[in-house]
C-alpha atoms as a PDB file:
ATOM      1  CA  UNK A   1      -0.219   0.004  -0.117  1.00  0.00           C
ATOM      2  CA  UNK A   2       2.571   2.557   0.834  1.00  0.00           C
ATOM      3  CA  UNK A   3       4.471   1.651  -2.018  1.00  0.00           C
ATOM      4  CA  UNK A   4       2.150   2.235  -4.360  1.00  0.00           C
ATOM      5  CA  UNK A   5       1.619   5.724  -2.809  1.00  0.00           C
ATOM      6  CA  UNK A   6       4.999   6.501  -3.398  1.00  0.00           C
ATOM      7  CA  UNK A   7       5.364   5.403  -6.606  1.00  0.00           C
ATOM      8  CA  UNK A   8       2.275   7.555  -7.747  1.00  0.00           C
ATOM      9  CA  UNK A   9       3.679  10.410  -5.609  1.00  0.00           C
ATOM     10  CA  UNK A  10       6.824  10.165  -7.486  1.00  0.00           C
ATOM     11  CA  UNK A  11       5.014   9.739 -10.927  1.00  0.00           C
ATOM     12  CA  UNK A  12       2.994  13.145 -10.355  1.00  0.00           C
ATOM     13  CA  UNK A  13       5.978  14.959  -8.822  1.00  0.00           C
ATOM     14  CA  UNK A  14       8.071  13.585 -12.226  1.00  0.00           C
ATOM     15  CA  UNK A  15       5.067  14.875 -14.450  1.00  0.00           C
ATOM     16  CA  UNK A  16       4.668  18.071 -12.563  1.00  0.00           C
ATOM     17  CA  UNK A  17       8.334  18.302 -13.247  1.00  0.00           C
ATOM     18  CA  UNK A  18       8.433  17.806 -17.233  1.00  0.00           C
ATOM     19  CA  UNK A  19       5.003  20.181 -17.401  1.00  0.00           C
ATOM     20  CA  UNK A  20       7.148  22.904 -15.617  1.00  0.00           C
ATOM     21  CA  UNK A  21      10.171  21.993 -18.081  1.00  0.00           C
ATOM     22  CA  UNK A  22       8.246  22.348 -21.063  1.00  0.00           C
ATOM     23  CA  UNK A  23       6.174  25.469 -19.852  1.00  0.00           C
ATOM     24  CA  UNK A  24       9.372  27.067 -19.033  1.00  0.00           C
ATOM     25  CA  UNK A  25      10.508  26.592 -22.591  1.00  0.00           C
ATOM     26  CA  UNK A  26       7.632  27.725 -24.315  1.00  0.00           C
ATOM     27  CA  UNK A  27       7.555  30.897 -22.320  1.00  0.00           C
ATOM     28  CA  UNK A  28      11.121  31.426 -23.237  1.00  0.00           C
ATOM     29  CA  UNK A  29      10.898  31.197 -26.781  1.00  0.00           C
ATOM     30  CA  UNK A  30       7.726  33.513 -27.030  1.00  0.00           C
ATOM     31  CA  UNK A  31       9.618  36.033 -24.762  1.00  0.00           C
ATOM     32  CA  UNK A  32      11.978  36.506 -27.736  1.00  0.00           C
ATOM     33  CA  UNK A  33       8.936  36.653 -30.272  1.00  0.00           C
ATOM     34  CA  UNK A  34       5.835  38.291 -30.308  1.00  0.00           C
ATOM     35  CA  UNK A  35       3.750  35.525 -31.646  1.00  0.00           C
ATOM     36  CA  UNK A  36       4.402  32.013 -32.696  1.00  0.00           C
ATOM     37  CA  UNK A  37       2.290  29.713 -34.508  1.00  0.00           C
ATOM     38  CA  UNK A  38       0.957  26.279 -32.779  1.00  0.00           C
ATOM     39  CA  UNK A  39       3.092  24.747 -35.309  1.00  0.00           C
ATOM     40  CA  UNK A  40       5.802  26.149 -34.464  1.00  0.00           C
ATOM     41  CA  UNK A  41       5.981  25.305 -31.424  1.00  0.00           C
ATOM     42  CA  UNK A  42       5.079  21.867 -31.271  1.00  0.00           C
ATOM     43  CA  UNK A  43       7.994  21.768 -33.807  1.00  0.00           C
ATOM     44  CA  UNK A  44      10.864  23.153 -31.308  1.00  0.00           C
ATOM     45  CA  UNK A  45       9.391  21.665 -28.214  1.00  0.00           C
ATOM     46  CA  UNK A  46       8.533  18.128 -28.384  1.00  0.00           C
ATOM     47  CA  UNK A  47       4.483  18.314 -27.409  1.00  0.00           C
ATOM     48  CA  UNK A  48       2.336  15.141 -27.480  1.00  0.00           C
ATOM     49  CA  UNK A  49      -0.527  17.137 -27.922  1.00  0.00           C
ATOM     50  CA  UNK A  50      -2.101  20.798 -27.168  1.00  0.00           C
ATOM     51  CA  UNK A  51      -2.585  20.193 -23.189  1.00  0.00           C
ATOM     52  CA  UNK A  52       0.300  22.026 -22.208  1.00  0.00           C
ATOM     53  CA  UNK A  53      -0.686  25.140 -24.326  1.00  0.00           C
ATOM     54  CA  UNK A  54      -4.463  24.860 -23.398  1.00  0.00           C
ATOM     55  CA  UNK A  55      -3.794  24.594 -19.269  1.00  0.00           C
ATOM     56  CA  UNK A  56      -0.844  27.614 -20.164  1.00  0.00           C
ATOM     57  CA  UNK A  57      -3.692  29.943 -21.835  1.00  0.00           C
ATOM     58  CA  UNK A  58      -6.623  28.919 -19.369  1.00  0.00           C
ATOM     59  CA  UNK A  59      -3.748  29.807 -16.554  1.00  0.00           C
ATOM     60  CA  UNK A  60      -3.125  33.197 -18.174  1.00  0.00           C
ATOM     61  CA  UNK A  61       0.295  32.416 -19.185  1.00  0.00           C
ATOM     62  CA  UNK A  62      -0.092  32.540 -22.997  1.00  0.00           C
ATOM     63  CA  UNK A  63      -2.787  33.595 -25.186  1.00  0.00           C
ATOM     64  CA  UNK A  64      -3.788  31.042 -27.924  1.00  0.00           C
ATOM     65  CA  UNK A  65      -5.736  32.732 -30.657  1.00  0.00           C
ATOM     66  CA  UNK A  66      -6.319  31.354 -34.474  1.00  0.00           C
ATOM     67  CA  UNK A  67      -3.221  29.430 -34.496  1.00  0.00           C
ATOM     68  CA  UNK A  68      -0.597  31.749 -32.845  1.00  0.00           C
ATOM     69  CA  UNK A  69       0.542  31.776 -29.769  1.00  0.00           C
ATOM     70  CA  UNK A  70       1.894  34.517 -27.599  1.00  0.00           C
ATOM     71  CA  UNK A  71       3.003  35.553 -23.747  1.00  0.00           C
ATOM     72  CA  UNK A  72       0.913  37.456 -21.410  1.00  0.00           C
ATOM     73  CA  UNK A  73       2.000  40.126 -19.237  1.00  0.00           C
ATOM     74  CA  UNK A  74       1.435  38.166 -16.752  1.00  0.00           C
ATOM     75  CA  UNK A  75       3.885  34.970 -18.104  1.00  0.00           C
ATOM     76  CA  UNK A  76       6.775  37.587 -18.989  1.00  0.00           C
ATOM     77  CA  UNK A  77       6.377  38.778 -15.513  1.00  0.00           C
ATOM     78  CA  UNK A  78       6.851  35.066 -13.938  1.00  0.00           C
ATOM     79  CA  UNK A  79      10.022  34.897 -16.478  1.00  0.00           C
ATOM     80  CA  UNK A  80      11.413  37.949 -14.435  1.00  0.00           C
ATOM     81  CA  UNK A  81      10.984  36.821 -11.151  1.00  0.00           C
ATOM     82  CA  UNK A  82      14.095  36.176  -8.780  1.00  0.00           C
END
C-alpha cells in the first residue's frame, strides 16, 4: 500500500516537473518573439498534444488565438521573478 502511494507521488512529481520544464521553454521562446504559430512551437518542443498549451492559456500565461500563441504580461512577469 505504501509503495503504491510513493510510486504515485513520484510519478505525479515527475509529470509536474516535465510540465514545468516544457512551460518554461515555451515562455522563453515566446518572450523572444511577439507571436509564434502553434505548429512552430510543436516543432521546437516535443509536445504530444495541445494540453500544455491549453493549460497555460487557461492559467493566463499565454494567449492562443487562431493558431498563434503569444506570451501574456503575466507570463512575461513570471520569467523575470527571481
